[in-house]
Amino acid sequence: MRISTKGRYALRMMLDLALHDQGEPVRVKDIAAREDISIKYLEQIVALLVRAGYLKSIRGPQGGYRLVKTPKEYSLGSILRLTEGSLAPVESLEEDADPADNTENAATMMFWQKLNQAIKSVVDSYTLEDLMDWQMQAGDNYVI
């Protein structure tokens, strides 16, 4: 399994929004500048996050985006699944997989299931709030 730039940038963007939440909307161009990510690419990710109800769009000259929920309510797994789709290491473990297409033998399937459970346990046990804490501990403090 490999996380694409879309998933990685979505996590960075959500973290940036959480760290810069001062009660005012955050502009995409500001996030793009801080994170050194293309504005056009971020706009695509923002559209996905808004449609999913993760972000709220505020229009106007003072507009921008805000998190809909608190950082502790966003699991990193939910953000990654939204941007990446399934995180299953093999196709046969994806939610919509046809059981008839499973060509794995019992031993290898057991390994893939264990790997899938390990991935789920990690991505679903951490939240955006955990990323914020780690960012602060790293000393790269975004406090304005």
C-alpha atoms as a PDB file:
ATOM      1  CA  MET A   1       0.000   0.000   0.000  1.00  0.00           C
ATOM      2  CA  ARG A   2       1.266   3.430  -0.909  1.00  0.00           C
ATOM      3  CA  ILE A   3      -0.394   6.693   0.119  1.00  0.00           C
ATOM      4  CA  SER A   4      -0.539   9.162  -2.785  1.00  0.00           C
ATOM      5  CA  THR A   5       0.204  12.868  -2.607  1.00  0.00           C
ATOM      6  CA  LYS A   6      -3.549  13.468  -2.407  1.00  0.00           C
ATOM      7  CA  GLY A   7      -3.762  11.592   0.903  1.00  0.00           C
ATOM      8  CA  ARG A   8      -0.551  13.068   2.266  1.00  0.00           C
ATOM      9  CA  TYR A   9      -1.527  16.615   1.296  1.00  0.00           C
ATOM     10  CA  ALA A  10      -5.026  16.159   2.721  1.00  0.00           C
ATOM     11  CA  LEU A  11      -3.511  15.273   6.108  1.00  0.00           C
ATOM     12  CA  ARG A  12      -1.121  18.238   5.921  1.00  0.00           C
ATOM     13  CA  MET A  13      -3.938  20.575   4.950  1.00  0.00           C
ATOM     14  CA  MET A  14      -6.252  19.362   7.718  1.00  0.00           C
ATOM     15  CA  LEU A  15      -3.394  19.727  10.209  1.00  0.00           C
ATOM     16  CA  ASP A  16      -2.672  23.254   8.964  1.00  0.00           C
ATOM     17  CA  LEU A  17      -6.348  24.192   9.331  1.00  0.00           C
ATOM     18  CA  ALA A  18      -6.447  22.773  12.851  1.00  0.00           C
ATOM     19  CA  LEU A  19      -3.271  24.571  13.902  1.00  0.00           C
ATOM     20  CA  HIS A  20      -4.378  27.898  12.437  1.00  0.00           C
ATOM     21  CA  ASP A  21      -7.926  27.873  13.744  1.00  0.00           C
ATOM     22  CA  GLN A  22      -8.214  31.286  15.380  1.00  0.00           C
ATOM     23  CA  GLY A  23     -11.971  31.513  14.904  1.00  0.00           C
ATOM     24  CA  GLU A  24     -11.576  32.901  11.384  1.00  0.00           C
ATOM     25  CA  PRO A  25     -11.611  30.967   8.110  1.00  0.00           C
ATOM     26  CA  VAL A  26      -8.245  29.948   6.674  1.00  0.00           C
ATOM     27  CA  ARG A  27      -7.556  30.708   3.012  1.00  0.00           C
ATOM     28  CA  VAL A  28      -6.279  28.013   0.654  1.00  0.00           C
ATOM     29  CA  LYS A  29      -3.562  30.323  -0.652  1.00  0.00           C
ATOM     30  CA  ASP A  30      -2.212  30.705   2.897  1.00  0.00           C
ATOM     31  CA  ILE A  31      -2.178  26.935   3.426  1.00  0.00           C
ATOM     32  CA  ALA A  32      -0.507  26.448   0.026  1.00  0.00           C
ATOM     33  CA  ALA A  33       2.216  28.948   0.933  1.00  0.00           C
ATOM     34  CA  ARG A  34       2.877  27.456   4.378  1.00  0.00           C
ATOM     35  CA  GLU A  35       2.833  23.854   3.139  1.00  0.00           C
ATOM     36  CA  ASP A  36       4.531  24.536  -0.215  1.00  0.00           C
ATOM     37  CA  ILE A  37       1.719  22.804  -2.133  1.00  0.00           C
ATOM     38  CA  SER A  38       0.127  23.950  -5.383  1.00  0.00           C
ATOM     39  CA  ILE A  39      -3.044  26.009  -4.830  1.00  0.00           C
ATOM     40  CA  LYS A  40      -4.779  24.211  -7.702  1.00  0.00           C
ATOM     41  CA  TYR A  41      -4.012  20.808  -6.194  1.00  0.00           C
ATOM     42  CA  LEU A  42      -5.194  21.937  -2.756  1.00  0.00           C
ATOM     43  CA  GLU A  43      -8.422  23.265  -4.276  1.00  0.00           C
ATOM     44  CA  GLN A  44      -9.160  19.774  -5.625  1.00  0.00           C
ATOM     45  CA  ILE A  45      -8.585  18.265  -2.194  1.00  0.00           C
ATOM     46  CA  VAL A  46     -10.645  21.013  -0.514  1.00  0.00           C
ATOM     47  CA  ALA A  47     -13.582  20.281  -2.834  1.00  0.00           C
ATOM     48  CA  LEU A  48     -13.464  16.613  -1.821  1.00  0.00           C
ATOM     49  CA  LEU A  49     -13.289  17.471   1.888  1.00  0.00           C
ATOM     50  CA  VAL A  50     -16.143  19.984   1.643  1.00  0.00           C
ATOM     51  CA  ARG A  51     -18.387  17.492  -0.217  1.00  0.00           C
ATOM     52  CA  ALA A  52     -17.676  14.898   2.474  1.00  0.00           C
ATOM     53  CA  GLY A  53     -18.628  17.363   5.229  1.00  0.00           C
ATOM     54  CA  TYR A  54     -15.132  17.567   6.735  1.00  0.00           C
ATOM     55  CA  LEU A  55     -14.700  21.271   5.955  1.00  0.00           C
ATOM     56  CA  LYS A  56     -17.008  24.259   5.899  1.00  0.00           C
ATOM     57  CA  SER A  57     -16.610  26.839   3.159  1.00  0.00           C
ATOM     58  CA  ILE A  58     -17.050  30.513   4.058  1.00  0.00           C
ATOM     59  CA  ARG A  59     -17.443  32.795   1.036  1.00  0.00           C
ATOM     60  CA  GLY A  60     -16.497  36.415   0.629  1.00  0.00           C
ATOM     61  CA  PRO A  61     -13.394  38.576   0.974  1.00  0.00           C
ATOM     62  CA  GLN A  62     -12.736  37.245   4.480  1.00  0.00           C
ATOM     63  CA  GLY A  63     -13.687  33.722   3.414  1.00  0.00           C
ATOM     64  CA  GLY A  64     -11.833  30.473   3.561  1.00  0.00           C
ATOM     65  CA  TYR A  65     -12.286  27.100   5.228  1.00  0.00           C
ATOM     66  CA  ARG A  66     -12.781  25.759   8.704  1.00  0.00           C
ATOM     67  CA  LEU A  67     -12.998  22.294  10.206  1.00  0.00           C
ATOM     68  CA  VAL A  68     -16.588  21.182  10.781  1.00  0.00           C
ATOM     69  CA  LYS A  69     -15.671  19.140  13.875  1.00  0.00           C
ATOM     70  CA  THR A  70     -12.968  19.296  16.513  1.00  0.00           C
ATOM     71  CA  PRO A  71      -9.565  17.807  15.607  1.00  0.00           C
ATOM     72  CA  LYS A  72     -10.071  14.848  17.944  1.00  0.00           C
ATOM     73  CA  GLU A  73     -13.169  13.849  15.946  1.00  0.00           C
ATOM     74  CA  TYR A  74     -11.215  13.235  12.718  1.00  0.00           C
ATOM     75  CA  SER A  75      -9.465   9.892  12.569  1.00  0.00           C
ATOM     76  CA  LEU A  76      -6.521   9.859  10.208  1.00  0.00           C
ATOM     77  CA  GLY A  77      -7.982   6.694   8.693  1.00  0.00           C
ATOM     78  CA  SER A  78     -11.202   8.472   7.739  1.00  0.00           C
ATOM     79  CA  ILE A  79      -9.268  11.239   5.971  1.00  0.00           C
ATOM     80  CA  LEU A  80      -7.058   8.742   4.148  1.00  0.00           C
ATOM     81  CA  ARG A  81     -10.001   6.570   3.085  1.00  0.00           C
ATOM     82  CA  LEU A  82     -11.770   9.622   1.761  1.00  0.00           C
ATOM     83  CA  THR A  83      -8.810  10.635  -0.386  1.00  0.00           C
ATOM     84  CA  GLU A  84      -7.309   7.235  -1.179  1.00  0.00           C
ATOM     85  CA  GLY A  85     -10.261   4.867  -1.175  1.00  0.00           C
ATOM     86  CA  SER A  86      -9.622   1.490   0.358  1.00  0.00           C
ATOM     87  CA  LEU A  87      -6.462   1.037   2.416  1.00  0.00           C
ATOM     88  CA  ALA A  88      -6.592  -2.751   2.031  1.00  0.00           C
ATOM     89  CA  PRO A  89      -3.226  -4.219   1.014  1.00  0.00           C
ATOM     90  CA  VAL A  90      -4.851  -6.601  -1.513  1.00  0.00           C
ATOM     91  CA  GLU A  91      -7.937  -6.281  -3.678  1.00  0.00           C
ATOM     92  CA  SER A  92      -9.651  -9.320  -2.156  1.00  0.00           C
ATOM     93  CA  LEU A  93      -9.930  -7.503   1.213  1.00  0.00           C
ATOM     94  CA  GLU A  94     -11.631  -4.401  -0.154  1.00  0.00           C
ATOM     95  CA  GLU A  95     -15.215  -3.894   0.990  1.00  0.00           C
ATOM     96  CA  ASP A  96     -16.725  -4.359  -2.461  1.00  0.00           C
ATOM     97  CA  ALA A  97     -14.531  -7.325  -3.446  1.00  0.00           C
ATOM     98  CA  ASP A  98     -16.198 -10.335  -5.025  1.00  0.00           C
ATOM     99  CA  PRO A  99     -15.430 -13.400  -2.850  1.00  0.00           C
ATOM    100  CA  ALA A 100     -15.359 -15.510  -6.019  1.00  0.00           C
ATOM    101  CA  ASP A 101     -12.326 -13.549  -7.243  1.00  0.00           C
ATOM    102  CA  ASN A 102     -10.213 -14.594  -4.252  1.00  0.00           C
ATOM    103  CA  THR A 103      -7.272 -16.577  -5.585  1.00  0.00           C
ATOM    104  CA  GLU A 104      -5.225 -16.470  -2.383  1.00  0.00           C
ATOM    105  CA  ASN A 105      -4.400 -19.628  -0.485  1.00  0.00           C
ATOM    106  CA  ALA A 106      -5.185 -19.826   3.224  1.00  0.00           C
ATOM    107  CA  ALA A 107      -1.669 -18.987   4.435  1.00  0.00           C
ATOM    108  CA  THR A 108      -1.165 -15.905   2.293  1.00  0.00           C
ATOM    109  CA  MET A 109      -4.733 -14.726   2.948  1.00  0.00           C
ATOM    110  CA  MET A 110      -4.073 -14.962   6.686  1.00  0.00           C
ATOM    111  CA  PHE A 111      -1.018 -12.739   6.233  1.00  0.00           C
ATOM    112  CA  TRP A 112      -2.977 -10.172   4.180  1.00  0.00           C
ATOM    113  CA  GLN A 113      -5.752 -10.125   6.777  1.00  0.00           C
ATOM    114  CA  LYS A 114      -3.257  -9.528   9.588  1.00  0.00           C
ATOM    115  CA  LEU A 115      -1.568  -6.746   7.603  1.00  0.00           C
ATOM    116  CA  ASN A 116      -4.971  -5.197   6.872  1.00  0.00           C
ATOM    117  CA  GLN A 117      -5.860  -5.272  10.583  1.00  0.00           C
ATOM    118  CA  ALA A 118      -2.515  -3.685  11.490  1.00  0.00           C
ATOM    119  CA  ILE A 119      -3.053  -0.876   8.985  1.00  0.00           C
ATOM    120  CA  LYS A 120      -6.590  -0.266  10.263  1.00  0.00           C
ATOM    121  CA  SER A 121      -5.507  -0.282  13.903  1.00  0.00           C
ATOM    122  CA  VAL A 122      -2.853   2.365  13.263  1.00  0.00           C
ATOM    123  CA  VAL A 123      -4.743   4.740  10.974  1.00  0.00           C
ATOM    124  CA  ASP A 124      -7.954   4.514  12.987  1.00  0.00           C
ATOM    125  CA  SER A 125      -6.346   4.948  16.397  1.00  0.00           C
ATOM    126  CA  TYR A 126      -4.815   8.346  15.648  1.00  0.00           C
ATOM    127  CA  THR A 127      -6.614  11.626  15.122  1.00  0.00           C
ATOM    128  CA  LEU A 128      -5.927  15.072  13.796  1.00  0.00           C
ATOM    129  CA  GLU A 129      -5.469  16.126  17.420  1.00  0.00           C
ATOM    130  CA  ASP A 130      -2.614  13.599  17.737  1.00  0.00           C
ATOM    131  CA  LEU A 131      -0.920  15.187  14.715  1.00  0.00           C
ATOM    132  CA  MET A 132      -1.307  18.593  16.355  1.00  0.00           C
ATOM    133  CA  ASP A 133       0.308  17.292  19.549  1.00  0.00           C
ATOM    134  CA  TRP A 134       3.185  15.751  17.597  1.00  0.00           C
ATOM    135  CA  GLN A 135       3.677  18.969  15.639  1.00  0.00           C
ATOM    136  CA  MET A 136       3.912  20.957  18.880  1.00  0.00           C
ATOM    137  CA  GLN A 137       6.326  18.431  20.409  1.00  0.00           C
ATOM    138  CA  ALA A 138       8.518  18.609  17.312  1.00  0.00           C
ATOM    139  CA  GLY A 139       9.008  22.284  18.015  1.00  0.00           C
ATOM    140  CA  ASP A 140       7.629  23.403  14.671  1.00  0.00           C
ATOM    141  CA  ASN A 141       4.996  25.437  16.451  1.00  0.00           C
ATOM    142  CA  TYR A 142       2.402  27.185  14.301  1.00  0.00           C
ATOM    143  CA  VAL A 143       1.099  29.505  17.014  1.00  0.00           C
ATOM    144  CA  ILE A 144       0.484  32.973  15.624  1.00  0.00           C
END
